[in-house]
Amino acid sequence: MILTEHKRKTVKLTKPANPWKWAFAILLGLVIAFFMFVFVKVTTPSVDQNRIVEKTEASADKYADLSVSMNKDQLEAAINYYLKKNQTKNSIRYRFLLDKSAILMGTTRILGAKVSFTLYTKPALDSDGNIVLNAKSVAIGSLNAPPGFVLGYVKNNYDLGRWAKIDSKKSKITLDLNQLTKKQGIKVRGESLNLQTDDIRFNVSIPLDK
């Protein structure tokens, strides 16, 4: 009787496990492994991404150079935008126009009276790529005046800022483009300025860390 019970216990202990239980455990393990694989792939940057990050970090202090082509209307709008940004409360109020020539119009006060002037110029580029306005004639109200005399008066009596440099002896005004865009950290250099053919091109350097 005792032997029979022992055999029953032995048979019960050596009984094979439920195959569905093992199948479920294996399936669960495969699912977990799959999601772990996907997670690792998603969170690991690719070779190209690593290269981009390394290139960006190495170029933090560098500039991206762009070649910009404009027509006369676009250049006029761009210069007027920066002129407005750089004008102070007590300075002369400017407006820039482009047609067959470059026209710089301004308004100021002389002896308490509001006076408007118009400067007709022929634009060119200097060796630094800045815009040079060679004065041809000046009108103060309806009165024509010598360009050199008027430019000398403006230079001696008004603060034009660092962006406009007057040479009254040569009757010219140089617009320092980099001073106009200094607040934005942008560097600008003129490449071509031909109003007759509407060929206006600039090289613009934009800081990559901005």
N, C-alpha and C. Protein backbone atom coordinates (compact mmCIF):
# COMPACT_ATOMS: atom_id res chain seq x y z
N MET A 1 0.83 -1.20 0.00
CA MET A 1 0.00 0.00 0.00
C MET A 1 0.86 1.25 0.00
N ILE A 2 1.91 1.26 0.85
CA ILE A 2 2.81 2.40 0.93
C ILE A 2 3.58 2.55 -0.37
N LEU A 3 4.00 1.47 -0.97
CA LEU A 3 4.74 1.49 -2.23
C LEU A 3 3.90 2.08 -3.36
N THR A 4 2.62 1.72 -3.35
CA THR A 4 1.72 2.23 -4.39
C THR A 4 1.60 3.75 -4.32
N GLU A 5 1.48 4.30 -3.09
CA GLU A 5 1.39 5.75 -2.93
C GLU A 5 2.68 6.43 -3.37
N HIS A 6 3.85 5.80 -3.09
CA HIS A 6 5.12 6.36 -3.49
C HIS A 6 5.24 6.43 -5.01
N LYS A 7 4.77 5.39 -5.68
CA LYS A 7 4.80 5.37 -7.14
C LYS A 7 3.93 6.48 -7.72
N ARG A 8 2.74 6.66 -7.06
CA ARG A 8 1.85 7.71 -7.54
C ARG A 8 2.51 9.09 -7.43
N LYS A 9 3.22 9.31 -6.28
CA LYS A 9 3.89 10.58 -6.10
C LYS A 9 4.99 10.77 -7.11
N THR A 10 5.72 9.69 -7.39
CA THR A 10 6.81 9.76 -8.36
C THR A 10 6.28 10.09 -9.74
N VAL A 11 5.19 9.44 -10.09
CA VAL A 11 4.57 9.70 -11.39
C VAL A 11 4.10 11.14 -11.47
N LYS A 12 3.56 11.65 -10.35
CA LYS A 12 3.06 13.02 -10.34
C LYS A 12 4.18 14.04 -10.49
N LEU A 13 5.36 13.78 -9.89
CA LEU A 13 6.48 14.70 -9.96
C LEU A 13 7.13 14.72 -11.33
N THR A 14 7.11 13.62 -12.02
CA THR A 14 7.76 13.53 -13.33
C THR A 14 6.81 13.82 -14.48
N LYS A 15 5.62 14.28 -14.15
CA LYS A 15 4.65 14.59 -15.19
C LYS A 15 5.09 15.81 -15.98
N PRO A 16 5.11 15.77 -17.32
CA PRO A 16 5.59 16.90 -18.13
C PRO A 16 4.74 18.16 -17.90
N ALA A 17 5.42 19.36 -17.99
CA ALA A 17 4.74 20.64 -17.76
C ALA A 17 3.80 20.96 -18.91
N ASN A 18 2.91 21.89 -18.66
CA ASN A 18 1.92 22.31 -19.66
C ASN A 18 2.64 23.00 -20.82
N PRO A 19 2.56 22.49 -22.06
CA PRO A 19 3.27 23.09 -23.20
C PRO A 19 2.78 24.50 -23.53
N TRP A 20 1.50 24.81 -23.29
CA TRP A 20 0.97 26.15 -23.57
C TRP A 20 1.60 27.21 -22.67
N LYS A 21 1.92 26.80 -21.45
CA LYS A 21 2.57 27.73 -20.52
C LYS A 21 3.94 28.14 -21.03
N TRP A 22 4.72 27.17 -21.52
CA TRP A 22 6.05 27.46 -22.05
C TRP A 22 5.97 28.28 -23.34
N ALA A 23 5.02 27.94 -24.16
CA ALA A 23 4.85 28.69 -25.41
C ALA A 23 4.55 30.16 -25.14
N PHE A 24 3.68 30.40 -24.14
CA PHE A 24 3.33 31.77 -23.78
C PHE A 24 4.55 32.52 -23.23
N ALA A 25 5.34 31.81 -22.41
CA ALA A 25 6.54 32.43 -21.83
C ALA A 25 7.54 32.80 -22.92
N ILE A 26 7.72 31.91 -23.90
CA ILE A 26 8.65 32.19 -25.00
C ILE A 26 8.14 33.36 -25.85
N LEU A 27 6.83 33.37 -26.12
CA LEU A 27 6.24 34.45 -26.90
C LEU A 27 6.40 35.79 -26.19
N LEU A 28 6.16 35.79 -24.88
CA LEU A 28 6.32 37.02 -24.10
C LEU A 28 7.76 37.51 -24.15
N GLY A 29 8.70 36.59 -24.07
CA GLY A 29 10.12 36.95 -24.14
C GLY A 29 10.47 37.55 -25.49
N LEU A 30 9.92 36.98 -26.57
CA LEU A 30 10.18 37.51 -27.90
C LEU A 30 9.60 38.92 -28.06
N VAL A 31 8.39 39.13 -27.52
CA VAL A 31 7.76 40.45 -27.60
C VAL A 31 8.60 41.49 -26.86
N ILE A 32 9.06 41.13 -25.65
CA ILE A 32 9.90 42.05 -24.87
C ILE A 32 11.20 42.35 -25.61
N ALA A 33 11.81 41.31 -26.18
CA ALA A 33 13.06 41.50 -26.92
C ALA A 33 12.86 42.40 -28.13
N PHE A 34 11.71 42.23 -28.81
CA PHE A 34 11.42 43.05 -29.98
C PHE A 34 11.30 44.52 -29.60
N PHE A 35 10.53 44.80 -28.54
CA PHE A 35 10.37 46.18 -28.11
C PHE A 35 11.67 46.78 -27.60
N MET A 36 12.52 46.00 -26.97
CA MET A 36 13.83 46.48 -26.54
C MET A 36 14.68 46.84 -27.74
N PHE A 37 14.61 46.02 -28.81
CA PHE A 37 15.36 46.27 -30.03
C PHE A 37 14.89 47.58 -30.68
N VAL A 38 13.56 47.76 -30.76
CA VAL A 38 13.00 48.98 -31.35
C VAL A 38 13.40 50.20 -30.53
N PHE A 39 13.34 50.08 -29.20
CA PHE A 39 13.69 51.19 -28.32
C PHE A 39 15.14 51.61 -28.52
N VAL A 40 16.04 50.63 -28.60
CA VAL A 40 17.46 50.93 -28.78
C VAL A 40 17.69 51.61 -30.12
N LYS A 41 17.02 51.13 -31.18
CA LYS A 41 17.19 51.72 -32.51
C LYS A 41 16.66 53.15 -32.56
N VAL A 42 15.52 53.37 -31.90
CA VAL A 42 14.92 54.70 -31.93
C VAL A 42 15.76 55.72 -31.16
N THR A 43 16.31 55.30 -30.04
CA THR A 43 17.06 56.23 -29.18
C THR A 43 18.52 56.35 -29.56
N THR A 44 19.01 55.56 -30.49
CA THR A 44 20.41 55.65 -30.92
C THR A 44 20.50 56.45 -32.21
N PRO A 45 21.20 57.60 -32.23
CA PRO A 45 21.31 58.41 -33.45
C PRO A 45 22.06 57.66 -34.55
N SER A 46 21.67 57.94 -35.79
CA SER A 46 22.32 57.30 -36.91
C SER A 46 23.69 57.91 -37.16
N VAL A 47 24.44 57.30 -38.07
CA VAL A 47 25.77 57.81 -38.41
C VAL A 47 25.67 59.21 -38.99
N ASP A 48 24.67 59.43 -39.87
CA ASP A 48 24.50 60.75 -40.48
C ASP A 48 24.13 61.80 -39.43
N GLN A 49 23.27 61.40 -38.48
CA GLN A 49 22.89 62.34 -37.43
C GLN A 49 24.09 62.73 -36.58
N ASN A 50 24.94 61.76 -36.28
CA ASN A 50 26.16 62.05 -35.52
C ASN A 50 27.06 63.00 -36.28
N ARG A 51 27.16 62.80 -37.60
CA ARG A 51 27.99 63.68 -38.41
C ARG A 51 27.45 65.10 -38.42
N ILE A 52 26.11 65.23 -38.50
CA ILE A 52 25.50 66.55 -38.51
C ILE A 52 25.76 67.26 -37.19
N VAL A 53 25.59 66.54 -36.07
CA VAL A 53 25.83 67.13 -34.75
C VAL A 53 27.28 67.57 -34.62
N GLU A 54 28.21 66.70 -35.06
CA GLU A 54 29.63 67.03 -34.97
C GLU A 54 29.97 68.24 -35.83
N LYS A 55 29.37 68.29 -37.04
CA LYS A 55 29.63 69.40 -37.95
C LYS A 55 29.07 70.70 -37.38
N THR A 56 27.87 70.63 -36.78
CA THR A 56 27.25 71.82 -36.19
C THR A 56 28.07 72.34 -35.03
N GLU A 57 28.54 71.43 -34.17
CA GLU A 57 29.34 71.84 -33.02
C GLU A 57 30.66 72.45 -33.47
N ALA A 58 31.24 71.88 -34.53
CA ALA A 58 32.53 72.39 -35.01
C ALA A 58 32.38 73.73 -35.71
N SER A 59 31.14 74.02 -36.20
CA SER A 59 30.92 75.25 -36.97
C SER A 59 30.17 76.31 -36.16
N ALA A 60 30.20 76.17 -34.83
CA ALA A 60 29.41 77.07 -33.98
C ALA A 60 29.76 78.53 -34.19
N ASP A 61 31.02 78.83 -34.47
CA ASP A 61 31.47 80.21 -34.62
C ASP A 61 31.63 80.61 -36.08
N LYS A 62 31.12 79.83 -37.00
CA LYS A 62 31.29 80.10 -38.41
C LYS A 62 30.03 80.71 -39.01
N TYR A 63 30.13 81.07 -40.28
CA TYR A 63 29.03 81.72 -40.99
C TYR A 63 28.60 80.88 -42.19
N ALA A 64 27.34 80.99 -42.51
CA ALA A 64 26.81 80.39 -43.73
C ALA A 64 26.73 81.49 -44.78
N ASP A 65 27.39 81.30 -45.91
CA ASP A 65 27.44 82.31 -46.96
C ASP A 65 26.33 82.08 -47.98
N LEU A 66 25.61 83.14 -48.28
CA LEU A 66 24.53 83.08 -49.25
C LEU A 66 24.75 84.15 -50.32
N SER A 67 24.46 83.79 -51.56
CA SER A 67 24.50 84.76 -52.65
C SER A 67 23.08 85.25 -52.89
N VAL A 68 22.87 86.55 -52.72
CA VAL A 68 21.52 87.11 -52.81
C VAL A 68 21.43 88.05 -54.00
N SER A 69 20.47 87.79 -54.87
CA SER A 69 20.21 88.66 -56.02
C SER A 69 18.94 89.46 -55.75
N MET A 70 18.97 90.73 -56.07
CA MET A 70 17.83 91.62 -55.83
C MET A 70 17.53 92.45 -57.07
N ASN A 71 16.31 92.97 -57.10
CA ASN A 71 16.03 94.03 -58.06
C ASN A 71 16.04 95.36 -57.31
N LYS A 72 15.80 96.44 -58.01
CA LYS A 72 15.90 97.77 -57.39
C LYS A 72 14.89 97.96 -56.26
N ASP A 73 13.67 97.47 -56.47
CA ASP A 73 12.64 97.62 -55.44
C ASP A 73 13.01 96.88 -54.16
N GLN A 74 13.57 95.69 -54.30
CA GLN A 74 13.95 94.90 -53.13
C GLN A 74 15.11 95.55 -52.37
N LEU A 75 16.11 96.05 -53.12
CA LEU A 75 17.24 96.72 -52.46
C LEU A 75 16.77 97.99 -51.76
N GLU A 76 15.90 98.73 -52.41
CA GLU A 76 15.37 99.95 -51.80
C GLU A 76 14.66 99.64 -50.49
N ALA A 77 13.83 98.59 -50.49
CA ALA A 77 13.10 98.21 -49.28
C ALA A 77 14.05 97.75 -48.18
N ALA A 78 15.08 97.00 -48.55
CA ALA A 78 16.03 96.49 -47.55
C ALA A 78 16.81 97.63 -46.90
N ILE A 79 17.30 98.57 -47.71
CA ILE A 79 18.08 99.69 -47.15
C ILE A 79 17.20 100.58 -46.27
N ASN A 80 15.97 100.83 -46.70
CA ASN A 80 15.07 101.65 -45.89
C ASN A 80 14.73 100.99 -44.56
N TYR A 81 14.62 99.66 -44.58
CA TYR A 81 14.36 98.93 -43.33
C TYR A 81 15.49 99.16 -42.33
N TYR A 82 16.72 99.01 -42.79
CA TYR A 82 17.86 99.17 -41.89
C TYR A 82 18.12 100.63 -41.54
N LEU A 83 17.82 101.54 -42.46
CA LEU A 83 17.94 102.97 -42.13
C LEU A 83 17.00 103.33 -40.98
N LYS A 84 15.78 102.81 -41.06
CA LYS A 84 14.80 103.08 -40.01
C LYS A 84 15.25 102.51 -38.67
N LYS A 85 15.84 101.32 -38.71
CA LYS A 85 16.31 100.67 -37.48
C LYS A 85 17.45 101.44 -36.83
N ASN A 86 18.26 102.12 -37.63
CA ASN A 86 19.46 102.78 -37.11
C ASN A 86 19.29 104.27 -36.87
N GLN A 87 18.13 104.82 -37.16
CA GLN A 87 17.91 106.24 -36.93
C GLN A 87 17.61 106.50 -35.45
N THR A 88 18.24 107.54 -34.92
CA THR A 88 17.98 107.93 -33.55
C THR A 88 16.95 109.06 -33.52
N LYS A 89 16.52 109.40 -32.32
CA LYS A 89 15.46 110.40 -32.17
C LYS A 89 15.84 111.76 -32.74
N ASN A 90 17.08 112.16 -32.55
CA ASN A 90 17.52 113.50 -32.95
C ASN A 90 18.24 113.53 -34.30
N SER A 91 18.28 112.42 -34.99
CA SER A 91 19.01 112.38 -36.26
C SER A 91 18.11 112.81 -37.42
N ILE A 92 18.74 112.94 -38.57
CA ILE A 92 17.99 113.25 -39.78
C ILE A 92 17.16 112.03 -40.17
N ARG A 93 15.93 112.27 -40.62
CA ARG A 93 15.06 111.17 -41.07
C ARG A 93 15.33 110.93 -42.55
N TYR A 94 15.67 109.70 -42.89
CA TYR A 94 16.08 109.37 -44.25
C TYR A 94 15.06 108.49 -44.96
N ARG A 95 15.11 108.58 -46.28
CA ARG A 95 14.41 107.62 -47.14
C ARG A 95 15.25 107.44 -48.39
N PHE A 96 15.38 106.19 -48.82
CA PHE A 96 16.24 105.85 -49.94
C PHE A 96 15.38 105.39 -51.11
N LEU A 97 15.65 105.95 -52.29
CA LEU A 97 14.91 105.59 -53.50
C LEU A 97 15.88 105.18 -54.60
N LEU A 98 15.46 104.21 -55.39
CA LEU A 98 16.27 103.76 -56.51
C LEU A 98 15.48 103.84 -57.80
N ASP A 99 16.04 104.53 -58.77
CA ASP A 99 15.44 104.59 -60.10
C ASP A 99 16.59 104.47 -61.10
N LYS A 100 16.79 105.47 -61.94
CA LYS A 100 17.97 105.49 -62.80
C LYS A 100 19.20 105.91 -62.00
N SER A 101 18.95 106.57 -60.88
CA SER A 101 20.02 106.94 -59.95
C SER A 101 19.54 106.60 -58.54
N ALA A 102 20.44 106.76 -57.59
CA ALA A 102 20.08 106.53 -56.19
C ALA A 102 19.76 107.88 -55.57
N ILE A 103 18.62 107.97 -54.92
CA ILE A 103 18.16 109.24 -54.35
C ILE A 103 18.01 109.07 -52.84
N LEU A 104 18.71 109.94 -52.12
CA LEU A 104 18.61 109.93 -50.66
C LEU A 104 17.84 111.17 -50.23
N MET A 105 16.66 110.94 -49.67
CA MET A 105 15.81 112.04 -49.23
C MET A 105 15.86 112.12 -47.71
N GLY A 106 15.89 113.34 -47.18
CA GLY A 106 15.96 113.51 -45.74
C GLY A 106 15.16 114.69 -45.26
N THR A 107 14.83 114.65 -43.99
CA THR A 107 14.11 115.75 -43.35
C THR A 107 14.81 116.10 -42.04
N THR A 108 15.05 117.38 -41.82
CA THR A 108 15.68 117.82 -40.58
C THR A 108 15.12 119.19 -40.21
N ARG A 109 15.65 119.75 -39.14
CA ARG A 109 15.22 121.09 -38.71
C ARG A 109 16.42 122.04 -38.69
N ILE A 110 16.24 123.18 -39.31
CA ILE A 110 17.27 124.23 -39.32
C ILE A 110 16.64 125.50 -38.77
N LEU A 111 17.17 126.00 -37.65
CA LEU A 111 16.64 127.18 -36.97
C LEU A 111 15.16 127.00 -36.62
N GLY A 112 14.83 125.76 -36.23
CA GLY A 112 13.46 125.47 -35.81
C GLY A 112 12.51 125.15 -36.94
N ALA A 113 12.92 125.36 -38.17
CA ALA A 113 12.05 125.11 -39.32
C ALA A 113 12.33 123.73 -39.91
N LYS A 114 11.29 123.05 -40.33
CA LYS A 114 11.42 121.73 -40.94
C LYS A 114 11.88 121.89 -42.39
N VAL A 115 13.00 121.27 -42.70
CA VAL A 115 13.59 121.41 -44.04
C VAL A 115 13.80 120.03 -44.65
N SER A 116 13.40 119.90 -45.90
CA SER A 116 13.61 118.64 -46.63
C SER A 116 14.70 118.83 -47.67
N PHE A 117 15.45 117.79 -47.89
CA PHE A 117 16.50 117.86 -48.92
C PHE A 117 16.50 116.56 -49.72
N THR A 118 16.98 116.66 -50.93
CA THR A 118 17.06 115.50 -51.82
C THR A 118 18.45 115.45 -52.42
N LEU A 119 19.10 114.32 -52.26
CA LEU A 119 20.46 114.13 -52.76
C LEU A 119 20.42 113.11 -53.90
N TYR A 120 20.81 113.57 -55.10
CA TYR A 120 20.83 112.69 -56.27
C TYR A 120 22.25 112.15 -56.43
N THR A 121 22.36 110.85 -56.50
CA THR A 121 23.69 110.24 -56.53
C THR A 121 23.78 109.12 -57.57
N LYS A 122 25.02 108.80 -57.90
CA LYS A 122 25.31 107.64 -58.73
C LYS A 122 25.94 106.58 -57.82
N PRO A 123 25.27 105.44 -57.62
CA PRO A 123 25.78 104.44 -56.68
C PRO A 123 26.87 103.56 -57.29
N ALA A 124 27.76 103.11 -56.44
CA ALA A 124 28.82 102.19 -56.84
C ALA A 124 29.21 101.38 -55.61
N LEU A 125 30.11 100.43 -55.81
CA LEU A 125 30.63 99.61 -54.71
C LEU A 125 32.10 99.91 -54.51
N ASP A 126 32.53 100.01 -53.25
CA ASP A 126 33.96 100.19 -53.00
C ASP A 126 34.64 98.83 -52.86
N SER A 127 35.91 98.82 -52.53
CA SER A 127 36.68 97.57 -52.46
C SER A 127 36.22 96.65 -51.33
N ASP A 128 35.50 97.21 -50.34
CA ASP A 128 34.98 96.41 -49.23
C ASP A 128 33.56 95.93 -49.47
N GLY A 129 33.01 96.27 -50.64
CA GLY A 129 31.65 95.83 -50.94
C GLY A 129 30.58 96.72 -50.34
N ASN A 130 30.96 97.91 -49.86
CA ASN A 130 29.98 98.86 -49.33
C ASN A 130 29.42 99.74 -50.45
N ILE A 131 28.24 100.30 -50.23
CA ILE A 131 27.62 101.16 -51.23
C ILE A 131 28.15 102.58 -51.10
N VAL A 132 28.64 103.12 -52.21
CA VAL A 132 29.14 104.49 -52.25
C VAL A 132 28.18 105.32 -53.10
N LEU A 133 27.67 106.40 -52.52
CA LEU A 133 26.77 107.31 -53.22
C LEU A 133 27.56 108.55 -53.64
N ASN A 134 27.87 108.63 -54.92
CA ASN A 134 28.60 109.79 -55.45
C ASN A 134 27.60 110.89 -55.79
N ALA A 135 27.64 111.97 -55.01
CA ALA A 135 26.64 113.03 -55.14
C ALA A 135 26.79 113.79 -56.46
N LYS A 136 25.67 113.97 -57.16
CA LYS A 136 25.65 114.72 -58.41
C LYS A 136 24.97 116.07 -58.23
N SER A 137 23.93 116.10 -57.43
CA SER A 137 23.25 117.36 -57.15
C SER A 137 22.45 117.23 -55.86
N VAL A 138 22.18 118.40 -55.25
CA VAL A 138 21.42 118.45 -54.00
C VAL A 138 20.37 119.54 -54.11
N ALA A 139 19.16 119.20 -53.69
CA ALA A 139 18.09 120.19 -53.64
C ALA A 139 17.64 120.35 -52.19
N ILE A 140 17.68 121.59 -51.70
CA ILE A 140 17.18 121.89 -50.35
C ILE A 140 15.87 122.64 -50.54
N GLY A 141 14.78 121.93 -50.30
CA GLY A 141 13.48 122.49 -50.68
C GLY A 141 13.45 122.57 -52.19
N SER A 142 13.27 123.77 -52.73
CA SER A 142 13.30 123.98 -54.19
C SER A 142 14.59 124.66 -54.63
N LEU A 143 15.55 124.77 -53.72
CA LEU A 143 16.81 125.45 -54.01
C LEU A 143 17.92 124.44 -54.27
N ASN A 144 18.60 124.60 -55.41
CA ASN A 144 19.75 123.75 -55.71
C ASN A 144 20.98 124.28 -54.99
N ALA A 145 21.79 123.36 -54.48
CA ALA A 145 22.98 123.76 -53.72
C ALA A 145 24.15 122.87 -54.11
N PRO A 146 25.38 123.35 -53.94
CA PRO A 146 26.56 122.53 -54.24
C PRO A 146 26.60 121.30 -53.33
N PRO A 147 26.76 120.10 -53.89
CA PRO A 147 26.77 118.88 -53.08
C PRO A 147 27.83 118.89 -51.99
N GLY A 148 29.05 119.33 -52.32
CA GLY A 148 30.13 119.32 -51.34
C GLY A 148 29.83 120.20 -50.14
N PHE A 149 29.23 121.38 -50.40
CA PHE A 149 28.90 122.31 -49.32
C PHE A 149 27.84 121.71 -48.39
N VAL A 150 26.80 121.12 -48.99
CA VAL A 150 25.71 120.55 -48.19
C VAL A 150 26.20 119.35 -47.38
N LEU A 151 27.00 118.49 -48.00
CA LEU A 151 27.52 117.32 -47.29
C LEU A 151 28.43 117.74 -46.14
N GLY A 152 29.23 118.78 -46.37
CA GLY A 152 30.09 119.28 -45.31
C GLY A 152 29.29 119.82 -44.14
N TYR A 153 28.19 120.52 -44.45
CA TYR A 153 27.33 121.07 -43.40
C TYR A 153 26.70 119.94 -42.59
N VAL A 154 26.19 118.94 -43.28
CA VAL A 154 25.56 117.80 -42.60
C VAL A 154 26.56 117.06 -41.73
N LYS A 155 27.76 116.84 -42.26
CA LYS A 155 28.80 116.12 -41.52
C LYS A 155 29.18 116.84 -40.23
N ASN A 156 29.27 118.16 -40.29
CA ASN A 156 29.72 118.94 -39.14
C ASN A 156 28.63 119.22 -38.11
N ASN A 157 27.38 119.05 -38.51
CA ASN A 157 26.29 119.44 -37.60
C ASN A 157 25.38 118.30 -37.16
N TYR A 158 25.55 117.12 -37.75
CA TYR A 158 24.65 116.03 -37.40
C TYR A 158 25.43 114.73 -37.18
N ASP A 159 24.91 113.95 -36.24
CA ASP A 159 25.48 112.63 -35.98
C ASP A 159 24.78 111.61 -36.87
N LEU A 160 25.47 111.16 -37.88
CA LEU A 160 24.88 110.21 -38.82
C LEU A 160 25.03 108.76 -38.36
N GLY A 161 25.79 108.54 -37.30
CA GLY A 161 26.04 107.17 -36.88
C GLY A 161 27.22 106.59 -37.64
N ARG A 162 27.61 105.38 -37.26
CA ARG A 162 28.79 104.76 -37.85
C ARG A 162 28.53 104.16 -39.22
N TRP A 163 27.26 104.06 -39.61
CA TRP A 163 26.92 103.40 -40.87
C TRP A 163 27.07 104.32 -42.08
N ALA A 164 27.04 105.64 -41.87
CA ALA A 164 27.15 106.59 -42.98
C ALA A 164 28.40 107.45 -42.81
N LYS A 165 29.28 107.40 -43.80
CA LYS A 165 30.54 108.16 -43.75
C LYS A 165 30.55 109.17 -44.90
N ILE A 166 30.68 110.44 -44.55
CA ILE A 166 30.64 111.51 -45.55
C ILE A 166 32.05 112.00 -45.86
N ASP A 167 32.33 112.09 -47.16
CA ASP A 167 33.57 112.71 -47.64
C ASP A 167 33.13 113.92 -48.47
N SER A 168 33.08 115.08 -47.82
CA SER A 168 32.55 116.28 -48.50
C SER A 168 33.46 116.75 -49.63
N LYS A 169 34.77 116.51 -49.53
CA LYS A 169 35.70 116.93 -50.57
C LYS A 169 35.46 116.17 -51.87
N LYS A 170 35.11 114.89 -51.75
CA LYS A 170 34.84 114.07 -52.93
C LYS A 170 33.35 113.96 -53.22
N SER A 171 32.54 114.66 -52.41
CA SER A 171 31.08 114.67 -52.58
C SER A 171 30.50 113.26 -52.64
N LYS A 172 30.81 112.48 -51.62
CA LYS A 172 30.29 111.11 -51.61
C LYS A 172 29.92 110.68 -50.19
N ILE A 173 29.00 109.73 -50.14
CA ILE A 173 28.58 109.11 -48.88
C ILE A 173 28.79 107.61 -49.01
N THR A 174 29.45 107.02 -48.04
CA THR A 174 29.65 105.57 -48.03
C THR A 174 28.72 104.95 -46.99
N LEU A 175 27.89 104.01 -47.44
CA LEU A 175 27.00 103.28 -46.54
C LEU A 175 27.70 101.99 -46.13
N ASP A 176 28.12 101.93 -44.88
CA ASP A 176 28.80 100.74 -44.36
C ASP A 176 27.75 99.67 -44.06
N LEU A 177 27.63 98.70 -44.95
CA LEU A 177 26.57 97.70 -44.84
C LEU A 177 26.69 96.86 -43.58
N ASN A 178 27.91 96.57 -43.16
CA ASN A 178 28.10 95.76 -41.96
C ASN A 178 27.69 96.50 -40.69
N GLN A 179 27.79 97.83 -40.71
CA GLN A 179 27.31 98.60 -39.57
C GLN A 179 25.78 98.63 -39.53
N LEU A 180 25.16 98.62 -40.71
CA LEU A 180 23.70 98.60 -40.77
C LEU A 180 23.13 97.30 -40.21
N THR A 181 23.84 96.19 -40.43
CA THR A 181 23.33 94.88 -40.01
C THR A 181 24.06 94.34 -38.79
N LYS A 182 24.79 95.20 -38.10
CA LYS A 182 25.62 94.75 -36.98
C LYS A 182 24.79 94.15 -35.85
N LYS A 183 23.63 94.74 -35.56
CA LYS A 183 22.78 94.25 -34.47
C LYS A 183 22.31 92.82 -34.71
N GLN A 184 22.13 92.46 -35.96
CA GLN A 184 21.69 91.11 -36.30
C GLN A 184 22.85 90.14 -36.45
N GLY A 185 24.08 90.64 -36.38
CA GLY A 185 25.25 89.77 -36.52
C GLY A 185 25.48 89.30 -37.95
N ILE A 186 24.88 89.97 -38.91
CA ILE A 186 24.97 89.57 -40.31
C ILE A 186 26.04 90.40 -41.02
N LYS A 187 26.82 89.74 -41.87
CA LYS A 187 27.83 90.43 -42.67
C LYS A 187 27.36 90.51 -44.12
N VAL A 188 27.49 91.69 -44.71
CA VAL A 188 27.01 91.90 -46.09
C VAL A 188 28.13 92.52 -46.92
N ARG A 189 28.28 92.01 -48.12
CA ARG A 189 29.28 92.55 -49.05
C ARG A 189 28.66 92.62 -50.44
N GLY A 190 28.71 93.80 -51.04
CA GLY A 190 28.16 93.96 -52.38
C GLY A 190 29.05 93.33 -53.43
N GLU A 191 28.45 92.62 -54.38
CA GLU A 191 29.18 91.99 -55.47
C GLU A 191 28.94 92.69 -56.80
N SER A 192 27.72 93.18 -56.99
CA SER A 192 27.39 93.90 -58.22
C SER A 192 26.27 94.89 -57.94
N LEU A 193 26.39 96.10 -58.50
CA LEU A 193 25.36 97.13 -58.31
C LEU A 193 25.22 97.93 -59.60
N ASN A 194 24.42 97.38 -60.51
CA ASN A 194 24.20 98.00 -61.81
C ASN A 194 22.71 98.30 -61.96
N LEU A 195 22.34 99.58 -61.82
CA LEU A 195 20.94 99.94 -61.89
C LEU A 195 20.39 99.88 -63.31
N GLN A 196 21.25 100.04 -64.30
CA GLN A 196 20.80 100.03 -65.69
C GLN A 196 20.31 98.65 -66.11
N THR A 197 21.05 97.62 -65.70
CA THR A 197 20.68 96.24 -66.06
C THR A 197 19.93 95.53 -64.94
N ASP A 198 19.72 96.23 -63.82
CA ASP A 198 19.07 95.66 -62.64
C ASP A 198 19.83 94.44 -62.12
N ASP A 199 21.15 94.50 -62.25
CA ASP A 199 22.01 93.42 -61.74
C ASP A 199 22.54 93.83 -60.37
N ILE A 200 21.88 93.37 -59.33
CA ILE A 200 22.23 93.74 -57.96
C ILE A 200 22.44 92.45 -57.17
N ARG A 201 23.67 92.23 -56.73
CA ARG A 201 23.99 90.99 -56.01
C ARG A 201 24.84 91.29 -54.77
N PHE A 202 24.54 90.53 -53.72
CA PHE A 202 25.28 90.67 -52.47
C PHE A 202 25.66 89.30 -51.94
N ASN A 203 26.76 89.27 -51.22
CA ASN A 203 27.13 88.07 -50.47
C ASN A 203 26.76 88.32 -49.01
N VAL A 204 25.91 87.46 -48.47
CA VAL A 204 25.42 87.61 -47.10
C VAL A 204 25.94 86.46 -46.25
N SER A 205 26.60 86.80 -45.13
CA SER A 205 27.13 85.79 -44.21
C SER A 205 26.30 85.81 -42.94
N ILE A 206 25.63 84.68 -42.68
CA ILE A 206 24.75 84.57 -41.51
C ILE A 206 25.42 83.69 -40.47
N PRO A 207 25.55 84.16 -39.22
CA PRO A 207 26.18 83.34 -38.19
C PRO A 207 25.36 82.09 -37.90
N LEU A 208 26.02 80.93 -37.84
CA LEU A 208 25.33 79.67 -37.64
C LEU A 208 24.79 79.50 -36.24
N ASP A 209 25.32 80.25 -35.29
CA ASP A 209 24.86 80.10 -33.91
C ASP A 209 23.75 81.06 -33.55
N LYS A 210 23.20 81.77 -34.54
CA LYS A 210 22.12 82.70 -34.25
C LYS A 210 20.78 82.00 -34.40
